[in-house]
Amino acid sequence: MKKVYLSRKSYVRFDDDHFLLYIGEQKVENYHPETSGTSDTKSEASDSGKTAFSYEGDESDGSTKIKAKSATYGDFTAGLVRTKYSQNQVEAILANRGDGDKSHEAEFDAYQAWRIQAKQIAQEVLAREL
């Protein structure tokens, strides 16, 4: 689900075992929040709008819930990997690699590509200035 906010977000602790990460950040220029019906529409139409930020994830607030004990690069990377691959799937992919089956090599390549992307996402979320 995609959500737009007037301020940047990075991550929040959800509970002892999970964090919510705000990933896929997109800057939204000239954003006009929905009106509450209390102001004059003509004056709002002439407003230049605000700079906002959008995030898209599985949760209703636009975040992605991951399993992680702490807000660290390693925990965030592992949690992001687990959003696509279970431990059993990873073990199967690693065990099947190198057996000569091209489909197994393709599975491994897809897994590696996601790991690289997860590392980049974790780095970006942790470094994001709010």
Foldseek 3Di string as FASTA:
>chain_A
DKDKFLDDAFKDAPDQFKIWGFFPKDKDFQDQPDDPPPDDPVVSVPDSHGIMIMGAEDDPNRTHMFTARDLDLVRQLVRQLCVPAPPVRVVVLVVPPPPPDPVSVVSVVVSVVSSVVSSVRSVCSVPDDD
